[in-house]
Amino acid sequence: MSEKLGAKVSLVRNASGKAKVTISLDEPHKLEQLIAKLES
């Protein structure tokens, strides 16, 4: 991944050790491009 997605990813662990990942995107359509890349 060479291009910047303009995404902020935050990972929060709760007491039971489960991780919750929150992704906030400046440009939501880039998420679709990323998913398409991951699936190819």
C-alpha atoms as a PDB file:
ATOM      1  CA  MET A   1       0.000   0.000   0.000  1.00  0.00           C
ATOM      2  CA  SER A   2       1.876   3.032  -1.202  1.00  0.00           C
ATOM      3  CA  GLU A   3      -0.928   5.554  -1.329  1.00  0.00           C
ATOM      4  CA  LYS A   4      -2.338   7.319   1.682  1.00  0.00           C
ATOM      5  CA  LEU A   5      -5.934   6.566   2.471  1.00  0.00           C
ATOM      6  CA  GLY A   6      -6.593   9.463   4.799  1.00  0.00           C
ATOM      7  CA  ALA A   7      -7.933   7.068   7.398  1.00  0.00           C
ATOM      8  CA  LYS A   8      -7.635   7.146  11.131  1.00  0.00           C
ATOM      9  CA  VAL A   9      -7.567   3.734  12.748  1.00  0.00           C
ATOM     10  CA  SER A  10      -7.914   3.379  16.475  1.00  0.00           C
ATOM     11  CA  LEU A  11      -7.737   0.107  18.361  1.00  0.00           C
ATOM     12  CA  VAL A  12      -9.277  -0.159  21.809  1.00  0.00           C
ATOM     13  CA  ARG A  13      -8.999  -3.169  24.093  1.00  0.00           C
ATOM     14  CA  ASN A  14     -11.663  -3.697  26.692  1.00  0.00           C
ATOM     15  CA  ALA A  15     -11.304  -5.527  29.992  1.00  0.00           C
ATOM     16  CA  SER A  16     -11.993  -8.969  28.547  1.00  0.00           C
ATOM     17  CA  GLY A  17      -9.182  -8.541  26.026  1.00  0.00           C
ATOM     18  CA  LYS A  18     -11.360  -8.103  22.962  1.00  0.00           C
ATOM     19  CA  ALA A  19     -10.083  -5.538  20.533  1.00  0.00           C
ATOM     20  CA  LYS A  20     -12.409  -3.068  18.906  1.00  0.00           C
ATOM     21  CA  VAL A  21     -11.107  -1.353  15.809  1.00  0.00           C
ATOM     22  CA  THR A  22     -12.614   1.918  14.719  1.00  0.00           C
ATOM     23  CA  ILE A  23     -11.821   3.274  11.278  1.00  0.00           C
ATOM     24  CA  SER A  24     -12.806   6.806  10.386  1.00  0.00           C
ATOM     25  CA  LEU A  25     -12.325   7.883   6.806  1.00  0.00           C
ATOM     26  CA  ASP A  26     -12.052  11.322   5.315  1.00  0.00           C
ATOM     27  CA  GLU A  27     -13.150   9.899   1.969  1.00  0.00           C
ATOM     28  CA  PRO A  28     -15.466   6.887   2.348  1.00  0.00           C
ATOM     29  CA  HIS A  29     -15.132   5.804  -1.288  1.00  0.00           C
ATOM     30  CA  LYS A  30     -11.503   4.999  -0.641  1.00  0.00           C
ATOM     31  CA  LEU A  31     -12.638   2.276   1.732  1.00  0.00           C
ATOM     32  CA  GLU A  32     -14.409   0.594  -1.179  1.00  0.00           C
ATOM     33  CA  GLN A  33     -11.201   0.765  -3.204  1.00  0.00           C
ATOM     34  CA  LEU A  34      -9.271  -0.761  -0.311  1.00  0.00           C
ATOM     35  CA  ILE A  35     -11.765  -3.605   0.089  1.00  0.00           C
ATOM     36  CA  ALA A  36     -11.639  -4.266  -3.642  1.00  0.00           C
ATOM     37  CA  LYS A  37      -7.851  -4.500  -3.433  1.00  0.00           C
ATOM     38  CA  LEU A  38      -7.983  -6.873  -0.487  1.00  0.00           C
ATOM     39  CA  GLU A  39     -10.442  -9.152  -2.259  1.00  0.00           C
ATOM     40  CA  SER A  40      -8.497  -9.332  -5.513  1.00  0.00           C
END
